[in-house]
N, C-alpha and C. Protein backbone atom coordinates (compact mmCIF):
# COMPACT_ATOMS: atom_id res chain seq x y z
N MET A 1 61.52 -15.88 94.23
CA MET A 1 61.73 -15.22 92.95
C MET A 1 61.82 -16.25 91.83
N ALA A 2 62.40 -17.41 92.11
CA ALA A 2 62.52 -18.44 91.07
C ALA A 2 61.15 -18.94 90.64
N ILE A 3 60.26 -19.12 91.59
CA ILE A 3 58.92 -19.60 91.26
C ILE A 3 58.17 -18.55 90.46
N ASN A 4 58.28 -17.30 90.84
CA ASN A 4 57.63 -16.22 90.11
C ASN A 4 58.20 -16.10 88.70
N PHE A 5 59.51 -16.25 88.56
CA PHE A 5 60.15 -16.19 87.24
C PHE A 5 59.62 -17.33 86.36
N ALA A 6 59.57 -18.53 86.92
CA ALA A 6 59.07 -19.68 86.16
C ALA A 6 57.62 -19.44 85.73
N TRP A 7 56.82 -18.94 86.64
CA TRP A 7 55.40 -18.69 86.37
C TRP A 7 55.24 -17.72 85.19
N HIS A 8 55.98 -16.62 85.24
CA HIS A 8 55.85 -15.60 84.20
C HIS A 8 56.43 -16.05 82.85
N ASN A 9 57.25 -17.08 82.85
CA ASN A 9 57.78 -17.61 81.60
C ASN A 9 57.00 -18.83 81.12
N GLY A 10 55.91 -19.14 81.80
CA GLY A 10 55.06 -20.24 81.37
C GLY A 10 55.60 -21.62 81.69
N TRP A 11 56.54 -21.68 82.62
CA TRP A 11 57.10 -22.97 83.02
C TRP A 11 56.27 -23.51 84.18
N HIS A 12 55.30 -24.34 83.86
CA HIS A 12 54.37 -24.82 84.87
C HIS A 12 54.67 -26.23 85.35
N ARG A 13 55.83 -26.74 84.97
CA ARG A 13 56.38 -27.98 85.53
C ARG A 13 57.73 -27.59 86.11
N LEU A 14 57.82 -27.58 87.43
CA LEU A 14 59.01 -27.04 88.07
C LEU A 14 59.48 -27.96 89.19
N TRP A 15 60.77 -28.22 89.20
CA TRP A 15 61.41 -28.95 90.28
C TRP A 15 62.45 -28.01 90.88
N LEU A 16 62.23 -27.62 92.11
CA LEU A 16 63.11 -26.69 92.79
C LEU A 16 63.95 -27.44 93.81
N GLU A 17 65.26 -27.27 93.72
CA GLU A 17 66.17 -27.84 94.70
C GLU A 17 66.73 -26.71 95.55
N SER A 18 66.79 -26.93 96.84
CA SER A 18 67.30 -25.91 97.75
C SER A 18 68.20 -26.55 98.79
N ASP A 19 69.23 -25.82 99.19
CA ASP A 19 70.08 -26.33 100.27
C ASP A 19 69.54 -25.89 101.63
N SER A 20 68.39 -25.26 101.65
CA SER A 20 67.74 -24.87 102.90
C SER A 20 66.63 -25.86 103.23
N SER A 21 66.85 -26.68 104.23
CA SER A 21 65.81 -27.65 104.61
C SER A 21 64.57 -26.92 105.14
N TYR A 22 64.76 -25.72 105.71
CA TYR A 22 63.64 -24.92 106.18
C TYR A 22 62.73 -24.51 105.02
N VAL A 23 63.32 -24.03 103.94
CA VAL A 23 62.55 -23.62 102.76
C VAL A 23 61.86 -24.82 102.15
N VAL A 24 62.55 -25.94 102.06
CA VAL A 24 61.95 -27.16 101.51
C VAL A 24 60.74 -27.57 102.34
N GLN A 25 60.87 -27.51 103.66
CA GLN A 25 59.75 -27.87 104.55
C GLN A 25 58.58 -26.91 104.37
N LEU A 26 58.85 -25.61 104.29
CA LEU A 26 57.78 -24.62 104.10
C LEU A 26 57.05 -24.84 102.78
N LEU A 27 57.80 -25.05 101.71
CA LEU A 27 57.18 -25.26 100.40
C LEU A 27 56.43 -26.59 100.32
N SER A 28 56.98 -27.61 100.93
CA SER A 28 56.34 -28.93 100.89
C SER A 28 54.99 -28.92 101.61
N SER A 29 54.92 -28.17 102.69
CA SER A 29 53.70 -28.14 103.49
C SER A 29 52.79 -26.97 103.14
N CYS A 30 53.25 -26.08 102.24
CA CYS A 30 52.52 -24.85 101.91
C CYS A 30 52.19 -24.07 103.19
N SER A 31 53.11 -24.07 104.10
CA SER A 31 52.94 -23.44 105.40
C SER A 31 52.77 -21.93 105.29
N GLU A 32 51.99 -21.38 106.19
CA GLU A 32 51.81 -19.93 106.30
C GLU A 32 52.73 -19.36 107.38
N GLN A 33 53.56 -20.19 107.98
CA GLN A 33 54.43 -19.77 109.08
C GLN A 33 55.69 -19.09 108.56
N VAL A 34 55.51 -17.92 107.98
CA VAL A 34 56.61 -17.12 107.45
C VAL A 34 56.56 -15.75 108.11
N PRO A 35 57.66 -15.02 108.08
CA PRO A 35 57.65 -13.67 108.66
C PRO A 35 56.57 -12.80 108.02
N TRP A 36 55.92 -11.99 108.79
CA TRP A 36 54.80 -11.19 108.28
C TRP A 36 55.21 -10.27 107.14
N ARG A 37 56.47 -9.84 107.11
CA ARG A 37 56.92 -8.92 106.05
C ARG A 37 56.83 -9.56 104.66
N ILE A 38 56.91 -10.87 104.60
CA ILE A 38 56.86 -11.54 103.29
C ILE A 38 55.58 -12.35 103.11
N ARG A 39 54.64 -12.23 104.02
CA ARG A 39 53.43 -13.07 103.98
C ARG A 39 52.66 -12.91 102.68
N GLN A 40 52.45 -11.70 102.19
CA GLN A 40 51.68 -11.50 100.97
C GLN A 40 52.39 -12.12 99.76
N VAL A 41 53.68 -11.90 99.65
CA VAL A 41 54.46 -12.49 98.56
C VAL A 41 54.44 -14.01 98.67
N TRP A 42 54.57 -14.52 99.90
CA TRP A 42 54.55 -15.96 100.14
C TRP A 42 53.22 -16.57 99.71
N GLN A 43 52.11 -15.93 100.06
CA GLN A 43 50.79 -16.45 99.69
C GLN A 43 50.64 -16.50 98.17
N HIS A 44 51.18 -15.51 97.48
CA HIS A 44 51.14 -15.52 96.01
C HIS A 44 51.98 -16.67 95.47
N CYS A 45 53.13 -16.92 96.09
CA CYS A 45 54.00 -18.02 95.69
C CYS A 45 53.27 -19.37 95.87
N ILE A 46 52.61 -19.53 97.01
CA ILE A 46 51.86 -20.77 97.29
C ILE A 46 50.74 -20.94 96.26
N TYR A 47 50.08 -19.85 95.91
CA TYR A 47 49.04 -19.92 94.87
C TYR A 47 49.64 -20.42 93.55
N GLN A 48 50.78 -19.84 93.16
CA GLN A 48 51.40 -20.22 91.90
C GLN A 48 51.77 -21.70 91.88
N ILE A 49 52.39 -22.21 92.96
CA ILE A 49 52.78 -23.62 92.94
C ILE A 49 51.58 -24.54 93.01
N SER A 50 50.46 -24.06 93.55
CA SER A 50 49.25 -24.89 93.57
C SER A 50 48.71 -25.11 92.16
N LYS A 51 49.08 -24.25 91.23
CA LYS A 51 48.62 -24.35 89.84
C LYS A 51 49.67 -24.98 88.93
N MET A 52 50.78 -25.43 89.52
CA MET A 52 51.88 -26.04 88.76
C MET A 52 52.00 -27.52 89.10
N GLU A 53 52.74 -28.22 88.25
CA GLU A 53 53.28 -29.51 88.65
C GLU A 53 54.58 -29.14 89.34
N PHE A 54 54.58 -29.19 90.65
CA PHE A 54 55.68 -28.63 91.44
C PHE A 54 56.27 -29.68 92.37
N GLN A 55 57.58 -29.74 92.37
CA GLN A 55 58.32 -30.65 93.25
C GLN A 55 59.43 -29.83 93.91
N VAL A 56 59.65 -30.06 95.18
CA VAL A 56 60.74 -29.40 95.88
C VAL A 56 61.54 -30.46 96.62
N SER A 57 62.86 -30.33 96.60
CA SER A 57 63.70 -31.30 97.30
C SER A 57 64.93 -30.59 97.87
N HIS A 58 65.50 -31.23 98.85
CA HIS A 58 66.70 -30.72 99.51
C HIS A 58 67.94 -31.26 98.81
N ILE A 59 68.93 -30.41 98.66
CA ILE A 59 70.20 -30.84 98.09
C ILE A 59 71.31 -30.20 98.90
N PHE A 60 72.35 -30.96 99.15
CA PHE A 60 73.50 -30.38 99.83
C PHE A 60 74.26 -29.53 98.83
N ARG A 61 74.73 -28.38 99.23
CA ARG A 61 75.44 -27.49 98.31
C ARG A 61 76.58 -28.21 97.62
N GLU A 62 77.24 -29.08 98.34
CA GLU A 62 78.38 -29.79 97.76
C GLU A 62 77.96 -30.67 96.59
N GLY A 63 76.70 -31.02 96.52
CA GLY A 63 76.21 -31.88 95.44
C GLY A 63 76.00 -31.13 94.14
N ASN A 64 76.02 -29.82 94.17
CA ASN A 64 75.81 -29.04 92.96
C ASN A 64 76.76 -27.85 92.98
N GLN A 65 77.89 -28.01 92.35
CA GLN A 65 78.92 -26.98 92.35
C GLN A 65 78.44 -25.69 91.68
N VAL A 66 77.61 -25.82 90.66
CA VAL A 66 77.13 -24.64 89.94
C VAL A 66 76.21 -23.81 90.85
N ALA A 67 75.30 -24.47 91.54
CA ALA A 67 74.41 -23.75 92.46
C ALA A 67 75.22 -23.06 93.55
N ASP A 68 76.23 -23.72 94.03
CA ASP A 68 77.10 -23.13 95.06
C ASP A 68 77.80 -21.89 94.52
N ALA A 69 78.34 -21.96 93.30
CA ALA A 69 79.02 -20.80 92.71
C ALA A 69 78.05 -19.66 92.44
N LEU A 70 76.84 -19.99 91.98
CA LEU A 70 75.85 -18.96 91.73
C LEU A 70 75.45 -18.24 93.01
N SER A 71 75.27 -19.02 94.09
CA SER A 71 74.88 -18.39 95.35
C SER A 71 75.99 -17.49 95.89
N LYS A 72 77.23 -17.90 95.74
CA LYS A 72 78.35 -17.06 96.18
C LYS A 72 78.43 -15.79 95.34
N ASN A 73 78.23 -15.91 94.03
CA ASN A 73 78.28 -14.76 93.15
C ASN A 73 77.14 -13.79 93.43
N ALA A 74 75.98 -14.31 93.82
CA ALA A 74 74.81 -13.47 94.07
C ALA A 74 75.03 -12.47 95.19
N LEU A 75 75.94 -12.78 96.10
CA LEU A 75 76.21 -11.87 97.21
C LEU A 75 76.72 -10.52 96.72
N GLY A 76 77.40 -10.51 95.58
CA GLY A 76 77.97 -9.27 95.06
C GLY A 76 77.06 -8.53 94.08
N LEU A 77 75.89 -9.09 93.78
CA LEU A 77 74.99 -8.46 92.81
C LEU A 77 74.12 -7.41 93.48
N GLU A 78 73.90 -6.32 92.77
CA GLU A 78 73.05 -5.26 93.32
C GLU A 78 71.64 -5.30 92.73
N VAL A 79 71.43 -6.09 91.67
CA VAL A 79 70.12 -6.21 91.04
C VAL A 79 69.85 -7.70 90.77
N ASP A 80 68.57 -8.05 90.59
CA ASP A 80 68.23 -9.41 90.21
C ASP A 80 68.87 -9.71 88.86
N SER A 81 69.36 -10.93 88.69
CA SER A 81 70.04 -11.30 87.45
C SER A 81 69.53 -12.62 86.93
N TRP A 82 69.57 -12.77 85.61
CA TRP A 82 69.20 -14.02 84.95
C TRP A 82 70.16 -14.21 83.79
N TRP A 83 70.71 -15.40 83.68
CA TRP A 83 71.62 -15.70 82.58
C TRP A 83 70.95 -16.71 81.66
N SER A 84 70.93 -16.40 80.36
CA SER A 84 70.40 -17.35 79.37
C SER A 84 71.47 -18.36 78.98
N ASN A 85 72.72 -18.01 79.21
CA ASN A 85 73.85 -18.90 78.94
C ASN A 85 74.67 -19.02 80.21
N THR A 86 75.53 -20.00 80.24
CA THR A 86 76.36 -20.23 81.42
C THR A 86 77.27 -19.03 81.67
N PRO A 87 77.20 -18.46 82.87
CA PRO A 87 78.12 -17.36 83.19
C PRO A 87 79.55 -17.87 83.24
N SER A 88 80.48 -17.03 82.85
CA SER A 88 81.88 -17.44 82.74
C SER A 88 82.46 -17.95 84.06
N PHE A 89 81.98 -17.41 85.20
CA PHE A 89 82.55 -17.81 86.48
C PHE A 89 82.19 -19.23 86.89
N CYS A 90 81.28 -19.87 86.15
CA CYS A 90 80.96 -21.26 86.52
C CYS A 90 80.96 -22.22 85.33
N SER A 91 81.54 -21.83 84.21
CA SER A 91 81.52 -22.70 83.03
C SER A 91 82.27 -24.02 83.26
N LEU A 92 83.40 -23.98 83.94
CA LEU A 92 84.14 -25.21 84.24
C LEU A 92 83.32 -26.12 85.17
N LEU A 93 82.62 -25.51 86.10
CA LEU A 93 81.83 -26.28 87.07
C LEU A 93 80.65 -26.98 86.40
N VAL A 94 80.08 -26.36 85.36
CA VAL A 94 78.99 -27.01 84.63
C VAL A 94 79.47 -28.32 84.04
N GLY A 95 80.66 -28.29 83.46
CA GLY A 95 81.24 -29.53 82.91
C GLY A 95 81.44 -30.58 83.98
N ASN A 96 81.94 -30.17 85.15
CA ASN A 96 82.12 -31.12 86.26
C ASN A 96 80.80 -31.72 86.70
N ASP A 97 79.75 -30.89 86.83
CA ASP A 97 78.44 -31.39 87.23
C ASP A 97 77.87 -32.35 86.19
N CYS A 98 78.00 -31.99 84.92
CA CYS A 98 77.46 -32.83 83.85
C CYS A 98 78.17 -34.18 83.77
N MET A 99 79.45 -34.21 84.15
CA MET A 99 80.20 -35.45 84.12
C MET A 99 80.05 -36.24 85.41
N GLY A 100 79.27 -35.70 86.36
CA GLY A 100 79.01 -36.42 87.60
C GLY A 100 80.15 -36.41 88.59
N ARG A 101 81.08 -35.51 88.42
CA ARG A 101 82.19 -35.42 89.38
C ARG A 101 81.69 -34.87 90.70
N GLU A 102 82.01 -35.56 91.76
CA GLU A 102 81.58 -35.13 93.08
C GLU A 102 82.57 -34.12 93.66
N SER A 103 82.04 -33.25 94.48
CA SER A 103 82.88 -32.25 95.13
C SER A 103 82.40 -32.10 96.56
N PHE A 104 83.22 -32.47 97.49
CA PHE A 104 82.87 -32.37 98.90
C PHE A 104 83.83 -31.46 99.61
N ARG A 105 83.33 -30.75 100.61
CA ARG A 105 84.17 -29.89 101.42
C ARG A 105 84.57 -30.63 102.69
N PHE A 106 85.81 -30.58 103.01
CA PHE A 106 86.27 -31.16 104.25
C PHE A 106 86.97 -30.07 105.03
N ALA A 107 86.48 -29.81 106.23
CA ALA A 107 87.03 -28.72 107.04
C ALA A 107 88.34 -29.10 107.67
């Protein structure tokens, strides 16, 4: 969805970070080895990134507190959402990320 959103907004230089090494591997290799239910959408995604300056990399969730908060918040959403400004639930975390403060989880 992020790639499609970028495409439709004319953002043709995109760097996508994901905490899923599987997704990073699939996008890096433009692999067709995806579940058949999403194959058509996946092929469209691969087409879009082939026409972009596209970079994908792996990031540990702990390295980006904002991404971690957004992913947790997304579990409670019933519709796709996009924020033009920082959502209130992660405004403090944006400051921490911008200042380079590290946050690690220790079990």
